All heavy atoms as atom14 arrays in JSON, in Angstrom:
{
  "sequence": "QLDVERLRAAGIPVWVTRIETLEQALTSMGRLFDEVLDVGTPDWL",
  "atom14_mask": [
    [1, 1, 1, 1, 1, 1, 1, 1, 1, 0, 0, 0, 0, 0],
    [1, 1, 1, 1, 1, 1, 1, 1, 0, 0, 0, 0, 0, 0],
    [1, 1, 1, 1, 1, 1, 1, 1, 0, 0, 0, 0, 0, 0],
    [1, 1, 1, 1, 1, 1, 1, 0, 0, 0, 0, 0, 0, 0],
    [1, 1, 1, 1, 1, 1, 1, 1, 1, 0, 0, 0, 0, 0],
    [1, 1, 1, 1, 1, 1, 1, 1, 1, 1, 1, 0, 0, 0],
    [1, 1, 1, 1, 1, 1, 1, 1, 0, 0, 0, 0, 0, 0],
    [1, 1, 1, 1, 1, 1, 1, 1, 1, 1, 1, 0, 0, 0],
    [1, 1, 1, 1, 1, 0, 0, 0, 0, 0, 0, 0, 0, 0],
    [1, 1, 1, 1, 1, 0, 0, 0, 0, 0, 0, 0, 0, 0],
    [1, 1, 1, 1, 0, 0, 0, 0, 0, 0, 0, 0, 0, 0],
    [1, 1, 1, 1, 1, 1, 1, 1, 0, 0, 0, 0, 0, 0],
    [1, 1, 1, 1, 1, 1, 1, 0, 0, 0, 0, 0, 0, 0],
    [1, 1, 1, 1, 1, 1, 1, 0, 0, 0, 0, 0, 0, 0],
    [1, 1, 1, 1, 1, 1, 1, 1, 1, 1, 1, 1, 1, 1],
    [1, 1, 1, 1, 1, 1, 1, 0, 0, 0, 0, 0, 0, 0],
    [1, 1, 1, 1, 1, 1, 1, 0, 0, 0, 0, 0, 0, 0],
    [1, 1, 1, 1, 1, 1, 1, 1, 1, 1, 1, 0, 0, 0],
    [1, 1, 1, 1, 1, 1, 1, 1, 0, 0, 0, 0, 0, 0],
    [1, 1, 1, 1, 1, 1, 1, 1, 1, 0, 0, 0, 0, 0],
    [1, 1, 1, 1, 1, 1, 1, 0, 0, 0, 0, 0, 0, 0],
    [1, 1, 1, 1, 1, 1, 1, 1, 0, 0, 0, 0, 0, 0],
    [1, 1, 1, 1, 1, 1, 1, 1, 1, 0, 0, 0, 0, 0],
    [1, 1, 1, 1, 1, 1, 1, 1, 1, 0, 0, 0, 0, 0],
    [1, 1, 1, 1, 1, 0, 0, 0, 0, 0, 0, 0, 0, 0],
    [1, 1, 1, 1, 1, 1, 1, 1, 0, 0, 0, 0, 0, 0],
    [1, 1, 1, 1, 1, 1, 1, 0, 0, 0, 0, 0, 0, 0],
    [1, 1, 1, 1, 1, 1, 0, 0, 0, 0, 0, 0, 0, 0],
    [1, 1, 1, 1, 1, 1, 1, 1, 0, 0, 0, 0, 0, 0],
    [1, 1, 1, 1, 0, 0, 0, 0, 0, 0, 0, 0, 0, 0],
    [1, 1, 1, 1, 1, 1, 1, 1, 1, 1, 1, 0, 0, 0],
    [1, 1, 1, 1, 1, 1, 1, 1, 0, 0, 0, 0, 0, 0],
    [1, 1, 1, 1, 1, 1, 1, 1, 1, 1, 1, 0, 0, 0],
    [1, 1, 1, 1, 1, 1, 1, 1, 0, 0, 0, 0, 0, 0],
    [1, 1, 1, 1, 1, 1, 1, 1, 1, 0, 0, 0, 0, 0],
    [1, 1, 1, 1, 1, 1, 1, 0, 0, 0, 0, 0, 0, 0],
    [1, 1, 1, 1, 1, 1, 1, 1, 0, 0, 0, 0, 0, 0],
    [1, 1, 1, 1, 1, 1, 1, 1, 0, 0, 0, 0, 0, 0],
    [1, 1, 1, 1, 1, 1, 1, 0, 0, 0, 0, 0, 0, 0],
    [1, 1, 1, 1, 0, 0, 0, 0, 0, 0, 0, 0, 0, 0],
    [1, 1, 1, 1, 1, 1, 1, 0, 0, 0, 0, 0, 0, 0],
    [1, 1, 1, 1, 1, 1, 1, 0, 0, 0, 0, 0, 0, 0],
    [1, 1, 1, 1, 1, 1, 1, 1, 0, 0, 0, 0, 0, 0],
    [1, 1, 1, 1, 1, 1, 1, 1, 1, 1, 1, 1, 1, 1],
    [1, 1, 1, 1, 1, 1, 1, 1, 0, 0, 0, 0, 0, 0]
  ],
  "atom14_positions": [
    [[0.83, -1.2, 0.0], [0.0, 0.0, 0.0], [0.87, 1.26, 0.0], [0.53, 2.25, -0.65], [-0.93, 0.0, 1.22], [-1.86, 1.2, 1.26], [-2.82, 1.14, 2.43], [-2.93, 0.14, 3.13], [-3.53, 2.23, 2.67], [0.0, 0.0, 0.0], [0.0, 0.0, 0.0], [0.0, 0.0, 0.0], [0.0, 0.0, 0.0], [0.0, 0.0, 0.0]],
    [[1.99, 1.21, 0.73], [2.89, 2.36, 0.8], [3.36, 2.77, -0.59], [3.38, 3.97, -0.93], [4.09, 2.03, 1.68], [5.19, 3.1, 1.75], [4.65, 4.37, 2.4], [6.39, 2.57, 2.55], [0.0, 0.0, 0.0], [0.0, 0.0, 0.0], [0.0, 0.0, 0.0], [0.0, 0.0, 0.0], [0.0, 0.0, 0.0], [0.0, 0.0, 0.0]],
    [[3.75, 1.81, -1.43], [4.23, 2.13, -2.77], [3.11, 2.71, -3.63], [3.34, 3.64, -4.41], [4.82, 0.89, -3.43], [6.09, 0.41, -2.75], [6.94, 1.26, -2.44], [6.23, -0.8, -2.51], [0.0, 0.0, 0.0], [0.0, 0.0, 0.0], [0.0, 0.0, 0.0], [0.0, 0.0, 0.0], [0.0, 0.0, 0.0], [0.0, 0.0, 0.0]],
    [[1.92, 2.15, -3.48], [0.78, 2.67, -4.24], [0.5, 4.12, -3.85], [0.31, 5.0, -4.7], [-0.48, 1.8, -3.99], [-1.72, 2.47, -4.59], [-0.29, 0.41, -4.59], [0.0, 0.0, 0.0], [0.0, 0.0, 0.0], [0.0, 0.0, 0.0], [0.0, 0.0, 0.0], [0.0, 0.0, 0.0], [0.0, 0.0, 0.0], [0.0, 0.0, 0.0]],
    [[0.51, 4.39, -2.54], [0.23, 5.74, -2.06], [1.29, 6.74, -2.54], [0.97, 7.86, -2.92], [0.15, 5.74, -0.54], [-1.08, 5.01, 0.0], [-1.06, 4.9, 1.51], [0.0, 5.19, 2.12], [-2.11, 4.53, 2.09], [0.0, 0.0, 0.0], [0.0, 0.0, 0.0], [0.0, 0.0, 0.0], [0.0, 0.0, 0.0], [0.0, 0.0, 0.0]],
    [[2.56, 6.33, -2.53], [3.63, 7.24, -2.95], [3.61, 7.49, -4.45], [3.93, 8.59, -4.9], [4.98, 6.7, -2.48], [5.15, 6.8, -0.96], [6.5, 6.34, -0.49], [6.65, 6.6, 0.94], [7.7, 6.23, 1.67], [8.72, 5.59, 1.08], [7.76, 6.5, 2.95], [0.0, 0.0, 0.0], [0.0, 0.0, 0.0], [0.0, 0.0, 0.0]],
    [[3.24, 6.48, -5.21], [3.11, 6.7, -6.65], [1.97, 7.67, -6.94], [2.1, 8.58, -7.77], [2.88, 5.36, -7.37], [4.09, 4.44, -7.49], [3.67, 3.06, -8.0], [5.15, 5.03, -8.42], [0.0, 0.0, 0.0], [0.0, 0.0, 0.0], [0.0, 0.0, 0.0], [0.0, 0.0, 0.0], [0.0, 0.0, 0.0], [0.0, 0.0, 0.0]],
    [[0.87, 7.47, -6.26], [-0.27, 8.37, -6.46], [0.08, 9.79, -6.02], [-0.32, 10.76, -6.66], [-1.48, 7.85, -5.7], [-2.13, 6.62, -6.36], [-3.22, 6.03, -5.51], [-3.96, 4.97, -6.22], [-4.8, 4.13, -5.63], [-5.02, 4.21, -4.32], [-5.43, 3.21, -6.35], [0.0, 0.0, 0.0], [0.0, 0.0, 0.0], [0.0, 0.0, 0.0]],
    [[0.82, 9.9, -4.91], [1.22, 11.22, -4.43], [2.12, 11.93, -5.43], [2.16, 13.16, -5.49], [1.93, 11.09, -3.09], [0.0, 0.0, 0.0], [0.0, 0.0, 0.0], [0.0, 0.0, 0.0], [0.0, 0.0, 0.0], [0.0, 0.0, 0.0], [0.0, 0.0, 0.0], [0.0, 0.0, 0.0], [0.0, 0.0, 0.0], [0.0, 0.0, 0.0]],
    [[2.83, 11.14, -6.24], [3.7, 11.7, -7.27], [2.94, 12.01, -8.55], [3.54, 12.4, -9.56], [4.85, 10.73, -7.56], [0.0, 0.0, 0.0], [0.0, 0.0, 0.0], [0.0, 0.0, 0.0], [0.0, 0.0, 0.0], [0.0, 0.0, 0.0], [0.0, 0.0, 0.0], [0.0, 0.0, 0.0], [0.0, 0.0, 0.0], [0.0, 0.0, 0.0]],
    [[1.62, 11.83, -8.51], [0.8, 12.15, -9.67], [0.64, 11.02, -10.67], [0.19, 11.25, -11.79], [0.0, 0.0, 0.0], [0.0, 0.0, 0.0], [0.0, 0.0, 0.0], [0.0, 0.0, 0.0], [0.0, 0.0, 0.0], [0.0, 0.0, 0.0], [0.0, 0.0, 0.0], [0.0, 0.0, 0.0], [0.0, 0.0, 0.0], [0.0, 0.0, 0.0]],
    [[1.01, 9.81, -10.28], [0.91, 8.66, -11.18], [-0.34, 7.85, -10.83], [-0.45, 7.32, -9.72], [2.16, 7.76, -11.07], [3.42, 8.56, -11.41], [2.03, 6.53, -11.97], [4.71, 7.81, -11.17], [0.0, 0.0, 0.0], [0.0, 0.0, 0.0], [0.0, 0.0, 0.0], [0.0, 0.0, 0.0], [0.0, 0.0, 0.0], [0.0, 0.0, 0.0]],
    [[-1.3, 7.74, -11.72], [-2.5, 6.94, -11.44], [-2.16, 5.47, -11.25], [-1.31, 4.92, -11.97], [-3.37, 7.14, -12.7], [-2.82, 8.36, -13.35], [-1.35, 8.38, -13.06], [0.0, 0.0, 0.0], [0.0, 0.0, 0.0], [0.0, 0.0, 0.0], [0.0, 0.0, 0.0], [0.0, 0.0, 0.0], [0.0, 0.0, 0.0], [0.0, 0.0, 0.0]],
    [[-2.78, 4.82, -10.28], [-2.54, 3.41, -10.01], [-3.88, 2.68, -9.94], [-4.78, 3.08, -9.19], [-1.78, 3.19, -8.7], [-1.49, 1.7, -8.49], [-0.48, 3.99, -8.69], [0.0, 0.0, 0.0], [0.0, 0.0, 0.0], [0.0, 0.0, 0.0], [0.0, 0.0, 0.0], [0.0, 0.0, 0.0], [0.0, 0.0, 0.0], [0.0, 0.0, 0.0]],
    [[-4.02, 1.63, -10.73], [-5.2, 0.76, -10.73], [-4.84, -0.47, -9.91], [-3.9, -1.19, -10.24], [-5.56, 0.37, -12.17], [-6.63, -0.65, -12.33], [-6.49, -2.01, -12.26], [-8.01, -0.41, -12.61], [-7.69, -2.63, -12.48], [-8.65, -1.68, -12.7], [-8.77, 0.73, -12.81], [-10.01, -1.82, -12.99], [-10.13, 0.6, -13.09], [-10.74, -0.66, -13.17]],
    [[-5.56, -0.71, -8.8], [-5.25, -1.81, -7.91], [-6.32, -2.89, -8.03], [-7.51, -2.62, -7.84], [-5.14, -1.34, -6.45], [-4.8, -2.52, -5.54], [-4.08, -0.25, -6.31], [0.0, 0.0, 0.0], [0.0, 0.0, 0.0], [0.0, 0.0, 0.0], [0.0, 0.0, 0.0], [0.0, 0.0, 0.0], [0.0, 0.0, 0.0], [0.0, 0.0, 0.0]],
    [[-5.88, -4.11, -8.33], [-6.81, -5.24, -8.41], [-6.82, -5.98, -7.08], [-5.83, -6.02, -6.35], [-6.4, -6.23, -9.51], [-5.13, -6.8, -9.19], [-6.32, -5.53, -10.86], [0.0, 0.0, 0.0], [0.0, 0.0, 0.0], [0.0, 0.0, 0.0], [0.0, 0.0, 0.0], [0.0, 0.0, 0.0], [0.0, 0.0, 0.0], [0.0, 0.0, 0.0]],
    [[-7.96, -6.56, -6.76], [-8.1, -7.43, -5.58], [-8.71, -8.73, -6.06], [-9.89, -8.77, -6.41], [-8.97, -6.79, -4.51], [-9.16, -7.68, -3.28], [-10.03, -7.02, -2.23], [-10.23, -7.9, -1.09], [-10.96, -7.57, -0.03], [-11.55, -6.38, 0.04], [-11.12, -8.43, 0.96], [0.0, 0.0, 0.0], [0.0, 0.0, 0.0], [0.0, 0.0, 0.0]],
    [[-7.92, -9.78, -6.1], [-8.35, -11.03, -6.71], [-8.29, -12.16, -5.68], [-7.22, -12.6, -5.27], [-7.46, -11.4, -7.91], [-7.34, -10.23, -8.89], [-8.01, -12.64, -8.6], [-8.63, -9.79, -9.52], [0.0, 0.0, 0.0], [0.0, 0.0, 0.0], [0.0, 0.0, 0.0], [0.0, 0.0, 0.0], [0.0, 0.0, 0.0], [0.0, 0.0, 0.0]],
    [[-9.46, -12.64, -5.25], [-9.52, -13.78, -4.34], [-10.36, -14.91, -4.91], [-10.41, -16.0, -4.34], [-10.09, -13.35, -2.98], [-9.18, -12.38, -2.22], [-9.74, -12.0, -0.87], [-10.89, -12.41, -0.55], [-9.04, -11.31, -0.1], [0.0, 0.0, 0.0], [0.0, 0.0, 0.0], [0.0, 0.0, 0.0], [0.0, 0.0, 0.0], [0.0, 0.0, 0.0]],
    [[-11.04, -14.66, -6.03], [-11.87, -15.68, -6.67], [-11.71, -15.59, -8.18], [-11.28, -14.56, -8.72], [-13.36, -15.51, -6.33], [-13.84, -14.3, -6.92], [-13.58, -15.48, -4.82], [0.0, 0.0, 0.0], [0.0, 0.0, 0.0], [0.0, 0.0, 0.0], [0.0, 0.0, 0.0], [0.0, 0.0, 0.0], [0.0, 0.0, 0.0], [0.0, 0.0, 0.0]],
    [[-12.1, -16.64, -8.85], [-12.08, -16.63, -10.32], [-13.03, -15.57, -10.85], [-12.69, -14.84, -11.8], [-12.47, -18.01, -10.86], [-12.63, -18.1, -12.37], [-11.31, -17.86, -13.07], [-13.21, -19.46, -12.76], [0.0, 0.0, 0.0], [0.0, 0.0, 0.0], [0.0, 0.0, 0.0], [0.0, 0.0, 0.0], [0.0, 0.0, 0.0], [0.0, 0.0, 0.0]],
    [[-14.2, -15.45, -10.26], [-15.17, -14.45, -10.72], [-14.58, -13.04, -10.61], [-14.75, -12.22, -11.52], [-16.45, -14.55, -9.9], [-17.53, -13.58, -10.36], [-18.83, -13.73, -9.59], [-18.9, -14.61, -8.71], [-19.76, -12.96, -9.86], [0.0, 0.0, 0.0], [0.0, 0.0, 0.0], [0.0, 0.0, 0.0], [0.0, 0.0, 0.0], [0.0, 0.0, 0.0]],
    [[-13.9, -12.76, -9.5], [-13.26, -11.45, -9.36], [-12.21, -11.23, -10.43], [-12.06, -10.13, -10.97], [-12.64, -11.32, -7.97], [-13.64, -11.14, -6.85], [-12.97, -11.09, -5.49], [-11.81, -11.48, -5.34], [-13.69, -10.61, -4.49], [0.0, 0.0, 0.0], [0.0, 0.0, 0.0], [0.0, 0.0, 0.0], [0.0, 0.0, 0.0], [0.0, 0.0, 0.0]],
    [[-11.45, -12.27, -10.75], [-10.41, -12.16, -11.77], [-11.02, -11.83, -13.14], [-10.56, -10.91, -13.83], [-9.61, -13.46, -11.86], [0.0, 0.0, 0.0], [0.0, 0.0, 0.0], [0.0, 0.0, 0.0], [0.0, 0.0, 0.0], [0.0, 0.0, 0.0], [0.0, 0.0, 0.0], [0.0, 0.0, 0.0], [0.0, 0.0, 0.0], [0.0, 0.0, 0.0]],
    [[-12.05, -12.57, -13.52], [-12.66, -12.35, -14.82], [-13.32, -10.97, -14.9], [-13.2, -10.26, -15.92], [-13.71, -13.44, -15.1], [-13.17, -14.87, -15.18], [-14.33, -15.85, -15.33], [-12.19, -15.03, -16.33], [0.0, 0.0, 0.0], [0.0, 0.0, 0.0], [0.0, 0.0, 0.0], [0.0, 0.0, 0.0], [0.0, 0.0, 0.0], [0.0, 0.0, 0.0]],
    [[-13.97, -10.57, -13.81], [-14.62, -9.26, -13.78], [-13.6, -8.13, -13.82], [-13.74, -7.14, -14.55], [-15.5, -9.12, -12.54], [-16.52, -10.13, -12.55], [-16.17, -7.75, -12.48], [0.0, 0.0, 0.0], [0.0, 0.0, 0.0], [0.0, 0.0, 0.0], [0.0, 0.0, 0.0], [0.0, 0.0, 0.0], [0.0, 0.0, 0.0], [0.0, 0.0, 0.0]],
    [[-12.54, -8.27, -13.02], [-11.52, -7.24, -12.95], [-10.8, -7.07, -14.29], [-10.58, -5.94, -14.75], [-10.5, -7.58, -11.85], [-9.51, -6.57, -11.74], [0.0, 0.0, 0.0], [0.0, 0.0, 0.0], [0.0, 0.0, 0.0], [0.0, 0.0, 0.0], [0.0, 0.0, 0.0], [0.0, 0.0, 0.0], [0.0, 0.0, 0.0], [0.0, 0.0, 0.0]],
    [[-10.44, -8.18, -14.92], [-9.79, -8.09, -16.21], [-10.72, -7.48, -17.26], [-10.31, -6.69, -18.11], [-9.33, -9.47, -16.67], [-8.18, -10.07, -15.87], [-6.62, -9.14, -16.03], [-6.73, -8.09, -14.58], [0.0, 0.0, 0.0], [0.0, 0.0, 0.0], [0.0, 0.0, 0.0], [0.0, 0.0, 0.0], [0.0, 0.0, 0.0], [0.0, 0.0, 0.0]],
    [[-12.0, -7.83, -17.18], [-12.96, -7.26, -18.11], [-13.07, -5.75, -17.96], [-13.11, -5.01, -18.95], [0.0, 0.0, 0.0], [0.0, 0.0, 0.0], [0.0, 0.0, 0.0], [0.0, 0.0, 0.0], [0.0, 0.0, 0.0], [0.0, 0.0, 0.0], [0.0, 0.0, 0.0], [0.0, 0.0, 0.0], [0.0, 0.0, 0.0], [0.0, 0.0, 0.0]],
    [[-13.1, -5.27, -16.72], [-13.2, -3.83, -16.48], [-11.93, -3.11, -16.95], [-12.0, -2.03, -17.54], [-13.4, -3.57, -14.98], [-14.77, -3.94, -14.44], [-14.88, -3.52, -12.99], [-14.72, -2.08, -12.86], [-14.24, -1.48, -11.78], [-13.84, -2.21, -10.74], [-14.14, -0.16, -11.72], [0.0, 0.0, 0.0], [0.0, 0.0, 0.0], [0.0, 0.0, 0.0]],
    [[-10.77, -3.72, -16.68], [-9.52, -3.09, -17.07], [-9.45, -2.85, -18.57], [-9.12, -1.75, -19.03], [-8.34, -3.95, -16.61], [-6.94, -3.47, -17.04], [-6.63, -2.09, -16.46], [-5.87, -4.48, -16.62], [0.0, 0.0, 0.0], [0.0, 0.0, 0.0], [0.0, 0.0, 0.0], [0.0, 0.0, 0.0], [0.0, 0.0, 0.0], [0.0, 0.0, 0.0]],
    [[-9.77, -3.89, -19.34], [-9.62, -3.77, -20.79], [-10.8, -3.06, -21.46], [-10.6, -2.34, -22.44], [-9.41, -5.16, -21.41], [-8.06, -5.73, -21.1], [-7.9, -6.76, -20.18], [-6.92, -5.21, -21.7], [-6.65, -7.27, -19.89], [-5.67, -5.71, -21.41], [-5.53, -6.74, -20.49], [0.0, 0.0, 0.0], [0.0, 0.0, 0.0], [0.0, 0.0, 0.0]],
    [[-11.98, -3.23, -20.92], [-13.15, -2.63, -21.56], [-13.36, -1.19, -21.11], [-13.48, -0.29, -21.94], [-14.39, -3.47, -21.24], [-15.6, -3.04, -22.05], [-15.41, -2.47, -23.14], [-16.73, -3.27, -21.61], [0.0, 0.0, 0.0], [0.0, 0.0, 0.0], [0.0, 0.0, 0.0], [0.0, 0.0, 0.0], [0.0, 0.0, 0.0], [0.0, 0.0, 0.0]],
    [[-13.36, -0.95, -19.8], [-13.68, 0.37, -19.28], [-12.47, 1.3, -19.21], [-12.58, 2.5, -19.5], [-14.31, 0.25, -17.9], [-15.61, -0.56, -17.87], [-16.16, -0.72, -16.48], [-15.75, 0.07, -15.57], [-16.99, -1.62, -16.26], [0.0, 0.0, 0.0], [0.0, 0.0, 0.0], [0.0, 0.0, 0.0], [0.0, 0.0, 0.0], [0.0, 0.0, 0.0]],
    [[-11.32, 0.77, -18.79], [-10.15, 1.63, -18.58], [-9.34, 1.81, -19.86], [-9.03, 2.93, -20.28], [-9.26, 1.07, -17.45], [-8.04, 1.96, -17.24], [-10.06, 0.95, -16.16], [0.0, 0.0, 0.0], [0.0, 0.0, 0.0], [0.0, 0.0, 0.0], [0.0, 0.0, 0.0], [0.0, 0.0, 0.0], [0.0, 0.0, 0.0], [0.0, 0.0, 0.0]],
    [[-8.99, 0.71, -20.5], [-8.16, 0.77, -21.7], [-8.97, 0.89, -22.99], [-8.41, 1.16, -24.04], [-7.25, -0.46, -21.76], [-6.3, -0.62, -20.57], [-5.49, -1.9, -20.7], [-5.37, 0.58, -20.45], [0.0, 0.0, 0.0], [0.0, 0.0, 0.0], [0.0, 0.0, 0.0], [0.0, 0.0, 0.0], [0.0, 0.0, 0.0], [0.0, 0.0, 0.0]],
    [[-10.28, 0.65, -22.88], [-11.2, 0.86, -24.0], [-10.84, 0.04, -25.23], [-10.84, 0.54, -26.35], [-11.26, 2.35, -24.35], [-12.44, 2.69, -25.25], [-13.45, 1.97, -25.2], [-12.34, 3.66, -26.03], [0.0, 0.0, 0.0], [0.0, 0.0, 0.0], [0.0, 0.0, 0.0], [0.0, 0.0, 0.0], [0.0, 0.0, 0.0], [0.0, 0.0, 0.0]],
    [[-10.52, -1.25, -25.02], [-10.21, -2.12, -26.15], [-11.18, -3.31, -26.24], [-10.98, -4.21, -27.06], [-8.76, -2.63, -26.07], [-7.78, -1.49, -26.25], [-8.5, -3.4, -24.78], [0.0, 0.0, 0.0], [0.0, 0.0, 0.0], [0.0, 0.0, 0.0], [0.0, 0.0, 0.0], [0.0, 0.0, 0.0], [0.0, 0.0, 0.0], [0.0, 0.0, 0.0]],
    [[-12.2, -3.32, -25.4], [-13.15, -4.41, -25.43], [-12.63, -5.65, -24.72], [-11.58, -5.62, -24.07], [0.0, 0.0, 0.0], [0.0, 0.0, 0.0], [0.0, 0.0, 0.0], [0.0, 0.0, 0.0], [0.0, 0.0, 0.0], [0.0, 0.0, 0.0], [0.0, 0.0, 0.0], [0.0, 0.0, 0.0], [0.0, 0.0, 0.0], [0.0, 0.0, 0.0]],
    [[-13.34, -6.74, -24.85], [-12.98, -7.99, -24.18], [-11.97, -8.77, -25.02], [-12.26, -9.11, -26.17], [-14.21, -8.87, -23.96], [-15.17, -8.17, -23.16], [-13.83, -10.18, -23.26], [0.0, 0.0, 0.0], [0.0, 0.0, 0.0], [0.0, 0.0, 0.0], [0.0, 0.0, 0.0], [0.0, 0.0, 0.0], [0.0, 0.0, 0.0], [0.0, 0.0, 0.0]],
    [[-10.78, -9.04, -24.48], [-9.78, -9.81, -25.25], [-10.28, -11.22, -25.56], [-11.08, -11.79, -24.8], [-8.58, -9.85, -24.3], [-8.8, -8.76, -23.31], [-10.28, -8.64, -23.16], [0.0, 0.0, 0.0], [0.0, 0.0, 0.0], [0.0, 0.0, 0.0], [0.0, 0.0, 0.0], [0.0, 0.0, 0.0], [0.0, 0.0, 0.0], [0.0, 0.0, 0.0]],
    [[-9.8, -11.79, -26.63], [-10.2, -13.15, -27.01], [-9.87, -14.15, -25.91], [-10.66, -15.06, -25.63], [-9.51, -13.56, -28.32], [-10.03, -12.8, -29.52], [-11.12, -12.19, -29.42], [-9.35, -12.8, -30.57], [0.0, 0.0, 0.0], [0.0, 0.0, 0.0], [0.0, 0.0, 0.0], [0.0, 0.0, 0.0], [0.0, 0.0, 0.0], [0.0, 0.0, 0.0]],
    [[-8.69, -14.0, -25.27], [-8.3, -14.96, -24.23], [-9.23, -14.89, -23.03], [-9.5, -15.9, -22.38], [-6.85, -14.75, -23.8], [-6.55, -13.41, -23.19], [-6.02, -12.31, -23.81], [-6.77, -13.02, -21.83], [-5.9, -11.27, -22.93], [-6.35, -11.67, -21.7], [-7.26, -13.67, -20.7], [-6.42, -10.96, -20.5], [-7.34, -12.97, -19.5], [-6.92, -11.63, -19.41]],
    [[-9.75, -13.69, -22.74], [-10.65, -13.55, -21.61], [-12.01, -14.18, -21.9], [-12.61, -14.82, -21.04], [-10.81, -12.07, -21.26], [-11.65, -11.74, -20.03], [-11.14, -12.46, -18.79], [-11.68, -10.24, -19.8], [0.0, 0.0, 0.0], [0.0, 0.0, 0.0], [0.0, 0.0, 0.0], [0.0, 0.0, 0.0], [0.0, 0.0, 0.0], [0.0, 0.0, 0.0]]
  ]
}
């Protein structure tokens, strides 16, 4: 958390994933590529 906070304090955006289940993994990856990076759902996903 310390590194995340210091990067953000330096003006660098940080996207933090929390993965404890397969469903969380699939949902998180989907949001990253579709909503954040705006490239849609990758074929592998």
